[in-house]
Amino acid sequence: MRITTEQNDISSVLFSEEQIEERVNQLAKQLTADYEGKDPLMICVLKGASFFYADLCRSMKCRLFMDFIAVSSYGMNARSTGVVRIIKDLDKNITDRHVVIVEDIIDSGLTLKYLKELLSARKPASIKTICLLDKITQHKCEIKPDYCGFSMPDHFVVGYGLDYSDYYRNLPYIGILKPETYQ
């Protein structure tokens, strides 16, 4: 395997491609059972959740609808700023629909809390959250995802959709970024 510059920036692999695939399939199976006959509207929080979202939706075996929302709370920082900006809003009306917000990572929890409050005001039939990664020790507010792929320690991670300054999203695994790369 040829090592790329991006791979040289990774100190270690936290979750392998195989671990991610197995966990996504488990989550999809659970969501399929929970939402059978409810036609959930799966909302992808762009851009970071895009890989997780695509694999999750493809693996679900129930009828579902898809929409996308783009927010920013990181900018060019390694940590969330806590200020959430909507960059792209939903295209679909969510009133009386079963909504599932698909997020890549919960760090401070502020982005997901904001999104849940924003979308709850639009009167969905139900609203649930799913994240691939949860940094429980870093939450700055009371937030717990309804479904979670992996709990993780406080590391700056990239890959499988997660980035630093728009790099590393295409790595097939989730790796810990060397601090000298972002400090």
N, C-alpha and C. Protein backbone atom coordinates (compact mmCIF):
# COMPACT_ATOMS: atom_id res chain seq x y z
N MET A 1 0.84 -1.18 0.00
CA MET A 1 0.00 0.00 0.00
C MET A 1 0.89 1.24 0.00
N ARG A 2 0.62 2.16 -0.90
CA ARG A 2 1.38 3.40 -0.99
C ARG A 2 0.92 4.36 0.12
N ILE A 3 1.84 4.92 0.85
CA ILE A 3 1.51 5.86 1.90
C ILE A 3 1.46 7.26 1.31
N THR A 4 0.34 7.94 1.53
CA THR A 4 0.20 9.30 1.02
C THR A 4 0.60 10.28 2.12
N THR A 5 0.76 11.52 1.73
CA THR A 5 1.07 12.57 2.70
C THR A 5 -0.01 12.61 3.77
N GLU A 6 -1.28 12.50 3.36
CA GLU A 6 -2.36 12.55 4.33
C GLU A 6 -2.23 11.42 5.35
N GLN A 7 -1.86 10.21 4.89
CA GLN A 7 -1.72 9.10 5.82
C GLN A 7 -0.54 9.32 6.76
N ASN A 8 0.49 10.02 6.34
CA ASN A 8 1.62 10.33 7.22
C ASN A 8 1.22 11.29 8.34
N ASP A 9 0.11 12.01 8.17
CA ASP A 9 -0.38 12.94 9.18
C ASP A 9 -1.20 12.24 10.27
N ILE A 10 -1.44 10.95 10.11
CA ILE A 10 -2.26 10.19 11.05
C ILE A 10 -1.35 9.46 12.04
N SER A 11 -1.61 9.67 13.33
CA SER A 11 -0.78 8.99 14.34
C SER A 11 -1.23 7.54 14.53
N SER A 12 -2.53 7.29 14.44
CA SER A 12 -3.03 5.92 14.56
C SER A 12 -4.46 5.85 14.05
N VAL A 13 -4.88 4.64 13.72
CA VAL A 13 -6.26 4.39 13.29
C VAL A 13 -7.09 4.12 14.53
N LEU A 14 -8.13 4.91 14.72
CA LEU A 14 -9.02 4.72 15.88
C LEU A 14 -10.10 3.69 15.57
N PHE A 15 -10.72 3.80 14.38
CA PHE A 15 -11.72 2.84 13.93
C PHE A 15 -11.42 2.47 12.49
N SER A 16 -11.25 1.19 12.24
CA SER A 16 -10.90 0.70 10.92
C SER A 16 -12.10 0.73 9.99
N GLU A 17 -11.83 0.60 8.72
CA GLU A 17 -12.87 0.53 7.70
C GLU A 17 -13.84 -0.62 8.03
N GLU A 18 -13.33 -1.74 8.45
CA GLU A 18 -14.15 -2.90 8.77
C GLU A 18 -15.01 -2.65 10.02
N GLN A 19 -14.44 -2.02 11.04
CA GLN A 19 -15.22 -1.71 12.24
C GLN A 19 -16.36 -0.75 11.91
N ILE A 20 -16.06 0.24 11.10
CA ILE A 20 -17.08 1.22 10.71
C ILE A 20 -18.20 0.54 9.94
N GLU A 21 -17.84 -0.28 8.96
CA GLU A 21 -18.85 -0.97 8.14
C GLU A 21 -19.75 -1.85 9.02
N GLU A 22 -19.15 -2.58 9.92
CA GLU A 22 -19.93 -3.46 10.81
C GLU A 22 -20.89 -2.65 11.67
N ARG A 23 -20.40 -1.55 12.24
CA ARG A 23 -21.25 -0.75 13.13
C ARG A 23 -22.36 -0.04 12.35
N VAL A 24 -22.06 0.46 11.17
CA VAL A 24 -23.08 1.12 10.35
C VAL A 24 -24.18 0.12 10.01
N ASN A 25 -23.81 -1.09 9.67
CA ASN A 25 -24.81 -2.11 9.36
C ASN A 25 -25.69 -2.43 10.57
N GLN A 26 -25.09 -2.47 11.77
CA GLN A 26 -25.86 -2.70 12.99
C GLN A 26 -26.85 -1.56 13.23
N LEU A 27 -26.38 -0.33 13.07
CA LEU A 27 -27.25 0.84 13.26
C LEU A 27 -28.38 0.85 12.23
N ALA A 28 -28.07 0.51 10.98
CA ALA A 28 -29.08 0.47 9.92
C ALA A 28 -30.16 -0.56 10.23
N LYS A 29 -29.73 -1.69 10.74
CA LYS A 29 -30.69 -2.74 11.11
C LYS A 29 -31.61 -2.26 12.22
N GLN A 30 -31.04 -1.58 13.20
CA GLN A 30 -31.84 -1.06 14.31
C GLN A 30 -32.82 0.01 13.82
N LEU A 31 -32.34 0.93 12.98
CA LEU A 31 -33.21 1.98 12.44
C LEU A 31 -34.32 1.38 11.56
N THR A 32 -33.97 0.38 10.78
CA THR A 32 -34.97 -0.28 9.93
C THR A 32 -36.11 -0.83 10.80
N ALA A 33 -35.77 -1.48 11.87
CA ALA A 33 -36.79 -2.03 12.78
C ALA A 33 -37.59 -0.91 13.44
N ASP A 34 -36.91 0.13 13.90
CA ASP A 34 -37.59 1.21 14.62
C ASP A 34 -38.48 2.06 13.72
N TYR A 35 -38.15 2.15 12.44
CA TYR A 35 -38.88 3.05 11.53
C TYR A 35 -39.69 2.33 10.45
N GLU A 36 -39.83 1.02 10.55
CA GLU A 36 -40.63 0.28 9.58
C GLU A 36 -42.04 0.86 9.52
N GLY A 37 -42.47 1.23 8.31
CA GLY A 37 -43.81 1.78 8.11
C GLY A 37 -43.95 3.25 8.45
N LYS A 38 -42.87 3.89 8.88
CA LYS A 38 -42.93 5.31 9.27
C LYS A 38 -42.32 6.25 8.24
N ASP A 39 -41.67 5.71 7.21
CA ASP A 39 -41.06 6.51 6.14
C ASP A 39 -40.25 7.69 6.69
N PRO A 40 -39.19 7.40 7.44
CA PRO A 40 -38.44 8.49 8.08
C PRO A 40 -37.78 9.41 7.05
N LEU A 41 -37.63 10.66 7.45
CA LEU A 41 -36.88 11.64 6.68
C LEU A 41 -35.50 11.70 7.32
N MET A 42 -34.52 11.17 6.62
CA MET A 42 -33.15 11.14 7.11
C MET A 42 -32.47 12.44 6.70
N ILE A 43 -32.01 13.22 7.68
CA ILE A 43 -31.40 14.51 7.41
C ILE A 43 -29.89 14.42 7.65
N CYS A 44 -29.13 14.61 6.59
CA CYS A 44 -27.67 14.58 6.67
C CYS A 44 -27.15 15.96 7.03
N VAL A 45 -26.31 16.02 8.06
CA VAL A 45 -25.63 17.26 8.41
C VAL A 45 -24.33 17.28 7.61
N LEU A 46 -24.32 18.13 6.58
CA LEU A 46 -23.19 18.22 5.67
C LEU A 46 -22.03 18.96 6.30
N LYS A 47 -20.84 18.71 5.88
CA LYS A 47 -20.37 17.74 4.94
C LYS A 47 -19.90 16.49 5.65
N GLY A 48 -19.54 16.64 6.92
CA GLY A 48 -18.89 15.55 7.64
C GLY A 48 -19.65 14.25 7.71
N ALA A 49 -20.98 14.31 7.79
CA ALA A 49 -21.77 13.08 7.93
C ALA A 49 -22.05 12.39 6.61
N SER A 50 -21.60 12.96 5.50
CA SER A 50 -22.00 12.45 4.19
C SER A 50 -21.64 10.99 3.94
N PHE A 51 -20.46 10.55 4.32
CA PHE A 51 -20.06 9.16 4.10
C PHE A 51 -20.92 8.24 4.98
N PHE A 52 -21.03 8.57 6.25
CA PHE A 52 -21.84 7.82 7.21
C PHE A 52 -23.28 7.76 6.74
N TYR A 53 -23.81 8.89 6.35
CA TYR A 53 -25.21 9.01 5.91
C TYR A 53 -25.47 8.12 4.69
N ALA A 54 -24.63 8.20 3.69
CA ALA A 54 -24.83 7.41 2.47
C ALA A 54 -24.81 5.92 2.79
N ASP A 55 -23.82 5.48 3.56
CA ASP A 55 -23.73 4.06 3.91
C ASP A 55 -24.91 3.62 4.77
N LEU A 56 -25.31 4.45 5.71
CA LEU A 56 -26.43 4.14 6.60
C LEU A 56 -27.73 4.01 5.81
N CYS A 57 -28.02 5.00 4.97
CA CYS A 57 -29.27 4.98 4.19
C CYS A 57 -29.29 3.79 3.22
N ARG A 58 -28.17 3.50 2.59
CA ARG A 58 -28.10 2.35 1.67
C ARG A 58 -28.35 1.04 2.40
N SER A 59 -27.96 0.97 3.66
CA SER A 59 -28.09 -0.27 4.42
C SER A 59 -29.46 -0.44 5.07
N MET A 60 -30.24 0.63 5.15
CA MET A 60 -31.57 0.53 5.75
C MET A 60 -32.50 -0.18 4.78
N LYS A 61 -33.37 -1.02 5.33
CA LYS A 61 -34.27 -1.83 4.51
C LYS A 61 -35.72 -1.40 4.69
N CYS A 62 -35.95 -0.11 4.82
CA CYS A 62 -37.30 0.42 4.89
C CYS A 62 -37.37 1.63 3.96
N ARG A 63 -38.56 2.04 3.63
CA ARG A 63 -38.71 3.22 2.78
C ARG A 63 -38.32 4.45 3.59
N LEU A 64 -37.52 5.31 2.97
CA LEU A 64 -37.07 6.52 3.66
C LEU A 64 -36.95 7.65 2.66
N PHE A 65 -36.87 8.82 3.19
CA PHE A 65 -36.67 10.02 2.39
C PHE A 65 -35.38 10.68 2.85
N MET A 66 -34.78 11.45 1.96
CA MET A 66 -33.48 12.05 2.27
C MET A 66 -33.51 13.57 2.07
N ASP A 67 -32.82 14.27 2.96
CA ASP A 67 -32.65 15.71 2.81
C ASP A 67 -31.32 16.08 3.46
N PHE A 68 -30.89 17.30 3.24
CA PHE A 68 -29.57 17.74 3.67
C PHE A 68 -29.65 19.13 4.29
N ILE A 69 -28.83 19.32 5.31
CA ILE A 69 -28.69 20.63 5.93
C ILE A 69 -27.19 20.86 6.13
N ALA A 70 -26.75 22.08 5.92
CA ALA A 70 -25.34 22.39 6.12
C ALA A 70 -25.23 23.46 7.18
N VAL A 71 -24.38 23.19 8.16
CA VAL A 71 -24.14 24.13 9.25
C VAL A 71 -22.64 24.27 9.43
N SER A 72 -22.25 25.32 10.10
CA SER A 72 -20.84 25.51 10.41
C SER A 72 -20.71 25.93 11.86
N SER A 73 -19.82 25.24 12.57
CA SER A 73 -19.50 25.66 13.94
C SER A 73 -18.01 25.56 14.19
N TYR A 74 -17.26 25.08 13.22
CA TYR A 74 -15.82 24.90 13.39
C TYR A 74 -15.01 25.96 12.65
N GLY A 75 -15.46 26.35 11.46
CA GLY A 75 -14.65 27.24 10.65
C GLY A 75 -13.34 26.54 10.34
N MET A 76 -12.23 27.18 10.57
CA MET A 76 -10.91 26.59 10.33
C MET A 76 -10.27 26.13 11.64
N ASN A 77 -11.09 25.94 12.67
CA ASN A 77 -10.57 25.56 13.99
C ASN A 77 -10.63 24.06 14.20
N ALA A 78 -9.87 23.58 15.15
CA ALA A 78 -9.89 22.17 15.52
C ALA A 78 -10.97 21.88 16.54
N ARG A 79 -11.55 22.90 17.13
CA ARG A 79 -12.64 22.76 18.10
C ARG A 79 -13.82 23.61 17.65
N SER A 80 -15.02 23.16 18.03
CA SER A 80 -16.23 23.91 17.72
C SER A 80 -16.17 25.27 18.39
N THR A 81 -16.61 26.30 17.67
CA THR A 81 -16.65 27.65 18.23
C THR A 81 -17.88 27.86 19.10
N GLY A 82 -18.89 26.99 18.93
CA GLY A 82 -20.14 27.14 19.66
C GLY A 82 -21.14 28.01 18.94
N VAL A 83 -20.70 28.73 17.93
CA VAL A 83 -21.59 29.58 17.13
C VAL A 83 -21.98 28.76 15.89
N VAL A 84 -23.29 28.48 15.76
CA VAL A 84 -23.77 27.65 14.66
C VAL A 84 -24.41 28.54 13.61
N ARG A 85 -23.97 28.35 12.37
CA ARG A 85 -24.55 29.08 11.25
C ARG A 85 -25.18 28.08 10.29
N ILE A 86 -26.41 28.37 9.83
CA ILE A 86 -27.04 27.54 8.80
C ILE A 86 -26.52 28.03 7.46
N ILE A 87 -25.90 27.14 6.72
CA ILE A 87 -25.37 27.47 5.40
C ILE A 87 -26.34 27.03 4.32
N LYS A 88 -26.99 25.86 4.53
CA LYS A 88 -28.00 25.35 3.61
C LYS A 88 -29.11 24.73 4.45
N ASP A 89 -30.33 25.22 4.24
CA ASP A 89 -31.47 24.72 5.00
C ASP A 89 -32.09 23.53 4.26
N LEU A 90 -33.03 22.88 4.91
CA LEU A 90 -33.72 21.74 4.32
C LEU A 90 -34.55 22.17 3.12
N ASP A 91 -34.75 21.23 2.20
CA ASP A 91 -35.62 21.47 1.05
C ASP A 91 -37.04 21.00 1.34
N LYS A 92 -37.20 20.06 2.25
CA LYS A 92 -38.50 19.45 2.52
C LYS A 92 -39.14 20.01 3.79
N ASN A 93 -40.45 20.03 3.79
CA ASN A 93 -41.24 20.39 4.97
C ASN A 93 -41.21 19.18 5.91
N ILE A 94 -40.91 19.39 7.17
CA ILE A 94 -40.81 18.27 8.10
C ILE A 94 -42.00 18.16 9.03
N THR A 95 -42.98 19.01 8.90
CA THR A 95 -44.16 18.97 9.76
C THR A 95 -44.81 17.59 9.67
N ASP A 96 -45.09 17.00 10.82
CA ASP A 96 -45.75 15.69 10.95
C ASP A 96 -44.95 14.53 10.35
N ARG A 97 -43.66 14.71 10.17
CA ARG A 97 -42.82 13.64 9.63
C ARG A 97 -41.90 13.11 10.73
N HIS A 98 -41.49 11.87 10.58
CA HIS A 98 -40.53 11.27 11.50
C HIS A 98 -39.13 11.63 10.98
N VAL A 99 -38.41 12.41 11.75
CA VAL A 99 -37.13 12.98 11.35
C VAL A 99 -35.99 12.30 12.11
N VAL A 100 -34.94 11.98 11.37
CA VAL A 100 -33.71 11.46 11.99
C VAL A 100 -32.56 12.35 11.53
N ILE A 101 -31.94 13.05 12.47
CA ILE A 101 -30.78 13.89 12.17
C ILE A 101 -29.54 13.01 12.22
N VAL A 102 -28.80 12.98 11.11
CA VAL A 102 -27.60 12.14 11.01
C VAL A 102 -26.37 13.04 11.09
N GLU A 103 -25.62 12.90 12.17
CA GLU A 103 -24.46 13.74 12.44
C GLU A 103 -23.20 12.88 12.46
N ASP A 104 -22.07 13.48 12.09
CA ASP A 104 -20.82 12.73 12.10
C ASP A 104 -20.26 12.57 13.50
N ILE A 105 -20.16 13.68 14.24
CA ILE A 105 -19.50 13.63 15.54
C ILE A 105 -20.15 14.64 16.48
N ILE A 106 -20.32 14.23 17.72
CA ILE A 106 -20.77 15.16 18.76
C ILE A 106 -19.53 15.48 19.58
N ASP A 107 -19.17 16.75 19.54
CA ASP A 107 -18.01 17.23 20.29
C ASP A 107 -18.56 18.03 21.48
N SER A 108 -18.79 19.31 21.30
CA SER A 108 -19.37 20.12 22.37
C SER A 108 -20.85 19.79 22.56
N GLY A 109 -21.50 19.32 21.50
CA GLY A 109 -22.94 19.04 21.55
C GLY A 109 -23.78 20.22 21.15
N LEU A 110 -23.16 21.39 21.03
CA LEU A 110 -23.91 22.62 20.76
C LEU A 110 -24.57 22.62 19.38
N THR A 111 -23.90 22.08 18.38
CA THR A 111 -24.46 22.05 17.03
C THR A 111 -25.70 21.17 17.00
N LEU A 112 -25.60 19.98 17.55
CA LEU A 112 -26.74 19.06 17.53
C LEU A 112 -27.89 19.60 18.38
N LYS A 113 -27.58 20.20 19.51
CA LYS A 113 -28.62 20.81 20.35
C LYS A 113 -29.34 21.90 19.57
N TYR A 114 -28.58 22.76 18.90
CA TYR A 114 -29.17 23.83 18.10
C TYR A 114 -30.06 23.26 17.00
N LEU A 115 -29.56 22.28 16.27
CA LEU A 115 -30.33 21.68 15.18
C LEU A 115 -31.61 21.02 15.68
N LYS A 116 -31.52 20.32 16.78
CA LYS A 116 -32.69 19.65 17.34
C LYS A 116 -33.75 20.69 17.74
N GLU A 117 -33.34 21.77 18.37
CA GLU A 117 -34.28 22.83 18.74
C GLU A 117 -34.88 23.51 17.52
N LEU A 118 -34.04 23.81 16.53
CA LEU A 118 -34.49 24.45 15.30
C LEU A 118 -35.53 23.59 14.59
N LEU A 119 -35.23 22.31 14.43
CA LEU A 119 -36.13 21.42 13.70
C LEU A 119 -37.35 21.05 14.52
N SER A 120 -37.24 20.98 15.82
CA SER A 120 -38.40 20.70 16.68
C SER A 120 -39.47 21.79 16.54
N ALA A 121 -39.02 23.02 16.33
CA ALA A 121 -39.96 24.14 16.17
C ALA A 121 -40.78 24.01 14.88
N ARG A 122 -40.35 23.15 13.97
CA ARG A 122 -41.08 22.93 12.71
C ARG A 122 -42.11 21.82 12.83
N LYS A 123 -42.34 21.34 14.03
CA LYS A 123 -43.40 20.40 14.38
C LYS A 123 -43.34 19.04 13.66
N PRO A 124 -42.20 18.35 13.74
CA PRO A 124 -42.16 16.99 13.18
C PRO A 124 -42.97 16.04 14.08
N ALA A 125 -43.38 14.90 13.53
CA ALA A 125 -44.07 13.88 14.33
C ALA A 125 -43.13 13.35 15.42
N SER A 126 -41.87 13.19 15.07
CA SER A 126 -40.85 12.79 16.03
C SER A 126 -39.50 13.26 15.49
N ILE A 127 -38.56 13.38 16.39
CA ILE A 127 -37.21 13.77 15.98
C ILE A 127 -36.21 12.96 16.82
N LYS A 128 -35.34 12.25 16.13
CA LYS A 128 -34.30 11.45 16.77
C LYS A 128 -32.96 11.86 16.18
N THR A 129 -31.90 11.51 16.89
CA THR A 129 -30.55 11.84 16.44
C THR A 129 -29.69 10.59 16.41
N ILE A 130 -28.81 10.57 15.44
CA ILE A 130 -27.83 9.50 15.34
C ILE A 130 -26.49 10.13 15.00
N CYS A 131 -25.45 9.67 15.67
CA CYS A 131 -24.11 10.16 15.36
C CYS A 131 -23.19 8.96 15.17
N LEU A 132 -22.19 9.14 14.37
CA LEU A 132 -21.19 8.10 14.21
C LEU A 132 -20.27 8.07 15.43
N LEU A 133 -19.84 9.26 15.87
CA LEU A 133 -18.89 9.37 16.98
C LEU A 133 -19.42 10.32 18.05
N ASP A 134 -19.15 9.98 19.29
CA ASP A 134 -19.57 10.84 20.40
C ASP A 134 -18.41 11.01 21.37
N LYS A 135 -17.97 12.27 21.53
CA LYS A 135 -16.93 12.61 22.52
C LYS A 135 -17.66 13.03 23.80
N ILE A 136 -18.13 12.08 24.54
CA ILE A 136 -18.97 12.34 25.71
C ILE A 136 -18.30 13.30 26.69
N THR A 137 -17.01 13.19 26.87
CA THR A 137 -16.31 14.01 27.86
C THR A 137 -16.21 15.47 27.44
N GLN A 138 -16.52 15.80 26.19
CA GLN A 138 -16.38 17.16 25.70
C GLN A 138 -17.69 17.93 25.61
N HIS A 139 -18.81 17.31 25.95
CA HIS A 139 -20.11 17.98 25.84
C HIS A 139 -20.16 19.22 26.72
N LYS A 140 -20.67 20.29 26.13
CA LYS A 140 -20.84 21.54 26.86
C LYS A 140 -22.31 21.80 27.19
N CYS A 141 -23.17 20.85 26.84
CA CYS A 141 -24.59 20.96 27.11
C CYS A 141 -25.14 19.55 27.30
N GLU A 142 -26.38 19.48 27.80
CA GLU A 142 -27.03 18.17 27.96
C GLU A 142 -27.52 17.71 26.60
N ILE A 143 -26.85 16.72 26.05
CA ILE A 143 -27.25 16.15 24.76
C ILE A 143 -26.82 14.69 24.74
N LYS A 144 -27.72 13.85 24.31
CA LYS A 144 -27.40 12.43 24.18
C LYS A 144 -28.05 11.96 22.89
N PRO A 145 -27.26 11.39 21.98
CA PRO A 145 -27.86 10.91 20.74
C PRO A 145 -28.77 9.70 21.01
N ASP A 146 -29.78 9.55 20.19
CA ASP A 146 -30.66 8.40 20.33
C ASP A 146 -29.98 7.12 19.85
N TYR A 147 -29.08 7.28 18.89
CA TYR A 147 -28.30 6.17 18.34
C TYR A 147 -26.86 6.67 18.20
N CYS A 148 -25.91 5.79 18.50
CA CYS A 148 -24.51 6.20 18.41
C CYS A 148 -23.66 5.05 17.89
N GLY A 149 -22.77 5.38 16.98
CA GLY A 149 -21.85 4.39 16.45
C GLY A 149 -20.79 4.02 17.46
N PHE A 150 -20.01 5.01 17.87
CA PHE A 150 -18.89 4.77 18.78
C PHE A 150 -18.75 5.95 19.74
N SER A 151 -18.51 5.66 21.01
CA SER A 151 -18.05 6.68 21.96
C SER A 151 -16.54 6.71 21.79
N MET A 152 -15.97 7.89 21.97
CA MET A 152 -14.54 8.00 21.74
C MET A 152 -13.90 8.98 22.70
N PRO A 153 -12.60 8.81 22.94
CA PRO A 153 -11.87 9.76 23.78
C PRO A 153 -11.66 11.08 23.03
N ASP A 154 -11.12 12.04 23.74
CA ASP A 154 -10.90 13.37 23.17
C ASP A 154 -9.64 13.40 22.31
N HIS A 155 -9.82 13.04 21.05
CA HIS A 155 -8.77 13.14 20.04
C HIS A 155 -9.33 13.91 18.86
N PHE A 156 -8.48 14.56 18.11
CA PHE A 156 -8.91 15.19 16.87
C PHE A 156 -8.82 14.12 15.79
N VAL A 157 -9.98 13.74 15.24
CA VAL A 157 -10.03 12.64 14.28
C VAL A 157 -10.47 13.12 12.90
N VAL A 158 -10.02 12.39 11.91
CA VAL A 158 -10.36 12.67 10.52
C VAL A 158 -10.62 11.35 9.80
N GLY A 159 -11.19 11.47 8.60
CA GLY A 159 -11.46 10.30 7.78
C GLY A 159 -12.93 9.97 7.79
N TYR A 160 -13.37 9.18 6.81
CA TYR A 160 -14.76 8.76 6.68
C TYR A 160 -15.70 9.96 6.77
N GLY A 161 -15.32 11.03 6.08
CA GLY A 161 -16.15 12.24 6.04
C GLY A 161 -15.66 13.36 6.94
N LEU A 162 -14.96 13.02 8.00
CA LEU A 162 -14.47 14.04 8.93
C LEU A 162 -13.21 14.67 8.36
N ASP A 163 -13.07 15.98 8.57
CA ASP A 163 -11.96 16.68 7.95
C ASP A 163 -11.23 17.59 8.93
N TYR A 164 -10.13 18.06 8.47
CA TYR A 164 -9.47 19.22 9.05
C TYR A 164 -9.14 20.12 7.87
N SER A 165 -9.72 21.31 7.86
CA SER A 165 -9.49 22.29 6.82
C SER A 165 -9.75 21.70 5.42
N ASP A 166 -10.81 20.88 5.34
CA ASP A 166 -11.28 20.22 4.11
C ASP A 166 -10.37 19.11 3.59
N TYR A 167 -9.40 18.69 4.35
CA TYR A 167 -8.56 17.55 3.98
C TYR A 167 -8.98 16.31 4.77
N TYR A 168 -8.58 15.15 4.29
CA TYR A 168 -8.69 13.85 4.96
C TYR A 168 -10.07 13.19 4.88
N ARG A 169 -11.10 13.85 4.35
CA ARG A 169 -12.45 13.26 4.33
C ARG A 169 -12.48 11.89 3.66
N ASN A 170 -11.65 11.70 2.64
CA ASN A 170 -11.72 10.49 1.82
C ASN A 170 -10.99 9.30 2.41
N LEU A 171 -10.36 9.43 3.56
CA LEU A 171 -9.72 8.27 4.19
C LEU A 171 -10.82 7.26 4.55
N PRO A 172 -10.62 5.98 4.31
CA PRO A 172 -11.68 4.99 4.55
C PRO A 172 -11.84 4.58 6.01
N TYR A 173 -10.99 5.09 6.88
CA TYR A 173 -11.02 4.78 8.30
C TYR A 173 -11.08 6.11 9.07
N ILE A 174 -11.21 6.01 10.38
CA ILE A 174 -11.15 7.20 11.23
C ILE A 174 -9.83 7.14 11.97
N GLY A 175 -9.00 8.16 11.73
CA GLY A 175 -7.68 8.20 12.31
C GLY A 175 -7.48 9.41 13.20
N ILE A 176 -6.56 9.29 14.11
CA ILE A 176 -6.19 10.40 15.00
C ILE A 176 -5.16 11.25 14.27
N LEU A 177 -5.47 12.51 14.10
CA LEU A 177 -4.58 13.44 13.42
C LEU A 177 -3.45 13.86 14.36
N LYS A 178 -2.24 13.83 13.86
CA LYS A 178 -1.09 14.26 14.66
C LYS A 178 -1.27 15.74 15.04
N PRO A 179 -1.09 16.09 16.30
CA PRO A 179 -1.29 17.47 16.76
C PRO A 179 -0.48 18.49 15.97
N GLU A 180 0.73 18.14 15.55
CA GLU A 180 1.54 19.11 14.80
C GLU A 180 0.91 19.48 13.46
N THR A 181 -0.05 18.71 13.01
CA THR A 181 -0.74 18.99 11.75
C THR A 181 -1.72 20.15 11.88
N TYR A 182 -2.31 20.30 13.07
CA TYR A 182 -3.36 21.33 13.23
C TYR A 182 -3.02 22.39 14.28
N GLN A 183 -1.90 22.28 14.96
CA GLN A 183 -1.58 23.28 15.98
C GLN A 183 -0.70 24.38 15.41
